[in-house]
């Protein structure tokens, strides 16, 4: 068991062995909460932010499909590209 000291700005250093076991790296996000009188730090991956953004798109109806085939999806992608290119042309004028 690793012991840590709370510094004057309430900072603690996570020991190297604990960081390695948890897979924590510089810049990672940690969720801090109190559970049954214990402080827990849970690593959160960046995918959480991306997933949140994706779910927001779904909630706001910014989705495509469902498609009955891969061909339908490809046709939809091509139509989307045409739309984007047309919008870019309008802005360039």
N, C-alpha and C. Protein backbone atom coordinates (compact mmCIF):
# COMPACT_ATOMS: atom_id res chain seq x y z
N UNK A 1 0.85 -1.18 0.00
CA UNK A 1 0.00 0.00 0.00
C UNK A 1 0.89 1.23 0.00
N UNK A 2 0.59 2.17 -0.89
CA UNK A 2 1.37 3.40 -0.99
C UNK A 2 0.70 4.50 -0.18
N UNK A 3 1.50 5.23 0.57
CA UNK A 3 1.00 6.37 1.34
C UNK A 3 1.44 7.65 0.65
N UNK A 4 0.56 8.66 0.66
CA UNK A 4 0.89 9.95 0.08
C UNK A 4 0.59 11.04 1.11
N UNK A 5 1.21 12.19 0.91
CA UNK A 5 1.02 13.32 1.82
C UNK A 5 0.25 14.41 1.09
N UNK A 6 -0.70 15.03 1.79
CA UNK A 6 -1.43 16.16 1.23
C UNK A 6 -0.55 17.40 1.43
N UNK A 7 -0.22 18.06 0.33
CA UNK A 7 0.65 19.24 0.37
C UNK A 7 -0.15 20.48 0.75
N UNK A 8 0.55 21.63 0.86
CA UNK A 8 -0.11 22.85 1.34
C UNK A 8 -1.21 23.38 0.42
N UNK A 9 -1.23 23.02 -0.84
CA UNK A 9 -2.31 23.42 -1.75
C UNK A 9 -3.26 22.25 -2.00
N UNK A 10 -3.30 21.30 -1.07
CA UNK A 10 -4.14 20.11 -1.14
C UNK A 10 -3.80 19.23 -2.34
N UNK A 11 -2.54 19.28 -2.75
CA UNK A 11 -2.09 18.45 -3.86
C UNK A 11 -1.49 17.16 -3.31
N UNK A 12 -1.69 16.08 -4.07
CA UNK A 12 -1.07 14.80 -3.73
C UNK A 12 -0.38 14.26 -4.98
N UNK A 13 0.68 13.52 -4.77
CA UNK A 13 1.39 12.88 -5.87
C UNK A 13 0.98 11.42 -5.89
N UNK A 14 0.54 10.97 -7.04
CA UNK A 14 0.18 9.55 -7.18
C UNK A 14 1.48 8.78 -7.40
N UNK A 15 1.78 7.82 -6.55
CA UNK A 15 3.04 7.08 -6.69
C UNK A 15 3.17 6.40 -8.06
N UNK A 16 4.39 6.31 -8.55
CA UNK A 16 4.68 5.77 -9.88
C UNK A 16 4.06 4.39 -10.09
N UNK A 17 4.19 3.51 -9.11
CA UNK A 17 3.67 2.15 -9.26
C UNK A 17 2.14 2.17 -9.43
N UNK A 18 1.47 3.02 -8.67
CA UNK A 18 0.01 3.14 -8.76
C UNK A 18 -0.38 3.72 -10.12
N UNK A 19 0.35 4.77 -10.57
CA UNK A 19 0.07 5.37 -11.89
C UNK A 19 0.23 4.33 -12.99
N UNK A 20 1.30 3.54 -12.91
CA UNK A 20 1.55 2.53 -13.94
C UNK A 20 0.46 1.47 -13.95
N UNK A 21 0.07 1.00 -12.77
CA UNK A 21 -0.97 -0.03 -12.68
C UNK A 21 -2.30 0.49 -13.22
N UNK A 22 -2.59 1.79 -12.97
CA UNK A 22 -3.86 2.36 -13.42
C UNK A 22 -3.78 2.87 -14.85
N UNK A 23 -2.57 2.92 -15.39
CA UNK A 23 -2.39 3.41 -16.76
C UNK A 23 -2.57 4.91 -16.88
N UNK A 24 -2.27 5.64 -15.82
CA UNK A 24 -2.42 7.10 -15.81
C UNK A 24 -1.18 7.75 -16.40
N UNK A 25 -1.42 8.70 -17.31
CA UNK A 25 -0.32 9.43 -17.95
C UNK A 25 -0.55 10.92 -17.80
N UNK A 26 0.47 11.72 -18.07
CA UNK A 26 0.36 13.17 -17.99
C UNK A 26 -0.76 13.64 -18.90
N UNK A 27 -1.61 14.51 -18.38
CA UNK A 27 -2.71 15.07 -19.15
C UNK A 27 -4.00 14.28 -19.07
N UNK A 28 -3.97 13.11 -18.45
CA UNK A 28 -5.19 12.31 -18.32
C UNK A 28 -6.18 12.99 -17.40
N UNK A 29 -7.44 12.68 -17.59
CA UNK A 29 -8.50 13.20 -16.73
C UNK A 29 -8.84 12.15 -15.68
N UNK A 30 -9.04 12.62 -14.46
CA UNK A 30 -9.43 11.74 -13.37
C UNK A 30 -10.71 12.28 -12.76
N UNK A 31 -11.67 11.40 -12.52
CA UNK A 31 -12.89 11.79 -11.82
C UNK A 31 -12.63 11.58 -10.34
N UNK A 32 -12.85 12.62 -9.54
CA UNK A 32 -12.64 12.53 -8.10
C UNK A 32 -13.99 12.53 -7.40
N UNK A 33 -14.18 11.58 -6.50
CA UNK A 33 -15.42 11.56 -5.72
C UNK A 33 -15.17 10.85 -4.40
N UNK A 34 -16.11 11.05 -3.49
CA UNK A 34 -16.04 10.42 -2.17
C UNK A 34 -17.04 9.28 -2.14
N UNK A 35 -16.55 8.10 -1.79
CA UNK A 35 -17.39 6.92 -1.67
C UNK A 35 -17.17 6.28 -0.31
N UNK A 36 -18.22 6.27 0.50
CA UNK A 36 -18.14 5.65 1.83
C UNK A 36 -16.95 6.18 2.64
N UNK A 37 -16.76 7.50 2.57
CA UNK A 37 -15.68 8.12 3.34
C UNK A 37 -14.30 7.99 2.72
N UNK A 38 -14.22 7.43 1.52
CA UNK A 38 -12.93 7.28 0.84
C UNK A 38 -12.93 8.13 -0.42
N UNK A 39 -11.79 8.75 -0.70
CA UNK A 39 -11.63 9.52 -1.93
C UNK A 39 -11.19 8.56 -3.01
N UNK A 40 -11.90 8.56 -4.14
CA UNK A 40 -11.51 7.70 -5.26
C UNK A 40 -11.22 8.57 -6.47
N UNK A 41 -10.20 8.20 -7.19
CA UNK A 41 -9.84 8.86 -8.44
C UNK A 41 -10.00 7.81 -9.54
N UNK A 42 -10.87 8.09 -10.50
CA UNK A 42 -11.14 7.15 -11.57
C UNK A 42 -10.68 7.74 -12.90
N UNK A 43 -9.75 7.07 -13.59
CA UNK A 43 -9.32 7.60 -14.89
C UNK A 43 -10.48 7.65 -15.86
N UNK A 44 -10.57 8.76 -16.59
CA UNK A 44 -11.58 8.93 -17.62
C UNK A 44 -10.85 9.13 -18.93
N UNK A 45 -11.29 8.44 -19.95
CA UNK A 45 -10.63 8.58 -21.24
C UNK A 45 -11.28 9.68 -22.05
N UNK A 46 -10.57 10.16 -23.04
CA UNK A 46 -11.05 11.23 -23.89
C UNK A 46 -12.30 10.81 -24.64
N UNK A 47 -12.47 9.53 -24.83
CA UNK A 47 -13.64 9.04 -25.55
C UNK A 47 -14.92 9.49 -24.86
N UNK A 48 -14.87 9.73 -23.55
CA UNK A 48 -16.06 10.19 -22.85
C UNK A 48 -16.55 11.50 -23.45
N UNK A 49 -15.62 12.42 -23.75
CA UNK A 49 -16.00 13.70 -24.34
C UNK A 49 -16.56 13.48 -25.74
N UNK A 50 -15.93 12.63 -26.51
CA UNK A 50 -16.40 12.36 -27.86
C UNK A 50 -17.76 11.68 -27.83
N UNK A 51 -17.92 10.77 -26.91
CA UNK A 51 -19.21 10.08 -26.78
C UNK A 51 -20.30 11.06 -26.39
N UNK A 52 -19.99 11.98 -25.49
CA UNK A 52 -20.95 12.99 -25.08
C UNK A 52 -21.35 13.85 -26.27
N UNK A 53 -20.39 14.24 -27.09
CA UNK A 53 -20.69 15.05 -28.28
C UNK A 53 -21.53 14.24 -29.27
N UNK A 54 -21.21 12.97 -29.43
CA UNK A 54 -21.97 12.12 -30.35
C UNK A 54 -23.40 11.95 -29.86
N UNK A 55 -23.58 11.75 -28.57
CA UNK A 55 -24.92 11.60 -28.02
C UNK A 55 -25.72 12.89 -28.16
N UNK A 56 -25.04 14.04 -28.04
CA UNK A 56 -25.71 15.31 -28.25
C UNK A 56 -26.20 15.42 -29.69
N UNK A 57 -25.38 14.97 -30.64
CA UNK A 57 -25.81 14.94 -32.05
C UNK A 57 -27.06 14.09 -32.22
N UNK A 58 -27.09 12.95 -31.59
CA UNK A 58 -28.25 12.06 -31.70
C UNK A 58 -29.48 12.72 -31.09
N UNK A 59 -29.31 13.35 -29.92
CA UNK A 59 -30.44 14.03 -29.26
C UNK A 59 -31.01 15.14 -30.14
N UNK A 60 -30.13 15.83 -30.87
CA UNK A 60 -30.57 16.94 -31.71
C UNK A 60 -30.94 16.51 -33.13
N UNK A 61 -30.93 15.20 -33.37
CA UNK A 61 -31.35 14.68 -34.67
C UNK A 61 -30.34 14.83 -35.78
N UNK A 62 -29.09 15.08 -35.43
CA UNK A 62 -28.05 15.24 -36.45
C UNK A 62 -27.44 13.86 -36.75
N UNK A 63 -28.25 13.01 -37.35
CA UNK A 63 -27.81 11.66 -37.68
C UNK A 63 -28.23 11.31 -39.10
N UNK A 64 -27.67 10.26 -39.60
CA UNK A 64 -28.01 9.75 -40.93
C UNK A 64 -28.38 8.28 -40.79
N UNK A 65 -29.23 7.83 -41.70
CA UNK A 65 -29.59 6.43 -41.69
C UNK A 65 -30.85 6.21 -40.89
N UNK A 66 -31.20 4.98 -40.62
CA UNK A 66 -30.46 3.76 -40.92
C UNK A 66 -30.48 3.44 -42.41
N UNK A 67 -29.49 2.71 -42.82
CA UNK A 67 -29.36 2.33 -44.21
C UNK A 67 -29.65 0.85 -44.36
N UNK A 68 -30.25 0.48 -45.49
CA UNK A 68 -30.54 -0.92 -45.75
C UNK A 68 -29.37 -1.65 -46.37
N UNK A 69 -28.40 -0.90 -46.87
CA UNK A 69 -27.24 -1.53 -47.47
C UNK A 69 -26.05 -0.57 -47.43
N UNK A 70 -24.90 -1.11 -47.67
CA UNK A 70 -23.68 -0.29 -47.74
C UNK A 70 -23.78 0.68 -48.90
N UNK A 71 -24.39 0.25 -49.98
CA UNK A 71 -24.55 1.12 -51.15
C UNK A 71 -25.36 2.36 -50.79
N UNK A 72 -26.45 2.19 -50.03
CA UNK A 72 -27.26 3.32 -49.61
C UNK A 72 -26.43 4.30 -48.79
N UNK A 73 -25.60 3.77 -47.92
CA UNK A 73 -24.76 4.62 -47.09
C UNK A 73 -23.77 5.40 -47.95
N UNK A 74 -23.16 4.74 -48.93
CA UNK A 74 -22.20 5.39 -49.81
C UNK A 74 -22.87 6.50 -50.61
N UNK A 75 -24.08 6.25 -51.12
CA UNK A 75 -24.83 7.28 -51.84
C UNK A 75 -25.07 8.49 -50.93
N UNK A 76 -25.44 8.23 -49.68
CA UNK A 76 -25.67 9.30 -48.72
C UNK A 76 -24.39 10.09 -48.46
N UNK A 77 -23.26 9.40 -48.33
CA UNK A 77 -21.97 10.08 -48.12
C UNK A 77 -21.62 10.97 -49.31
N UNK A 78 -21.81 10.47 -50.50
CA UNK A 78 -21.52 11.26 -51.71
C UNK A 78 -22.42 12.50 -51.77
N UNK A 79 -23.68 12.34 -51.42
CA UNK A 79 -24.60 13.48 -51.42
C UNK A 79 -24.14 14.52 -50.39
N UNK A 80 -23.68 14.05 -49.26
CA UNK A 80 -23.17 14.95 -48.23
C UNK A 80 -21.95 15.72 -48.70
N UNK A 81 -21.06 15.04 -49.42
CA UNK A 81 -19.86 15.70 -49.95
C UNK A 81 -20.26 16.77 -50.95
N UNK A 82 -21.21 16.46 -51.82
CA UNK A 82 -21.69 17.44 -52.80
C UNK A 82 -22.24 18.67 -52.11
N UNK A 83 -23.00 18.45 -51.04
CA UNK A 83 -23.58 19.56 -50.29
C UNK A 83 -22.49 20.43 -49.67
N UNK A 84 -21.50 19.81 -49.07
CA UNK A 84 -20.39 20.55 -48.45
C UNK A 84 -19.64 21.37 -49.50
N UNK A 85 -19.35 20.76 -50.63
CA UNK A 85 -18.64 21.47 -51.70
C UNK A 85 -19.44 22.65 -52.22
N UNK A 86 -20.76 22.49 -52.35
CA UNK A 86 -21.61 23.58 -52.82
C UNK A 86 -21.60 24.74 -51.81
N UNK A 87 -21.63 24.41 -50.52
CA UNK A 87 -21.59 25.44 -49.48
C UNK A 87 -20.25 26.18 -49.51
N UNK A 88 -19.17 25.46 -49.73
CA UNK A 88 -17.85 26.09 -49.81
C UNK A 88 -17.77 27.04 -51.01
N UNK A 89 -18.36 26.62 -52.12
CA UNK A 89 -18.36 27.48 -53.33
C UNK A 89 -19.12 28.77 -53.06
N UNK A 90 -20.23 28.66 -52.36
CA UNK A 90 -21.02 29.85 -52.03
C UNK A 90 -20.22 30.82 -51.16
N UNK A 91 -19.51 30.29 -50.20
CA UNK A 91 -18.71 31.12 -49.30
C UNK A 91 -17.54 31.77 -50.04
N UNK A 92 -17.00 31.09 -51.02
CA UNK A 92 -15.84 31.59 -51.76
C UNK A 92 -16.22 32.76 -52.65
N UNK A 93 -17.49 32.88 -53.00
CA UNK A 93 -17.94 33.95 -53.93
C UNK A 93 -18.00 35.27 -53.26
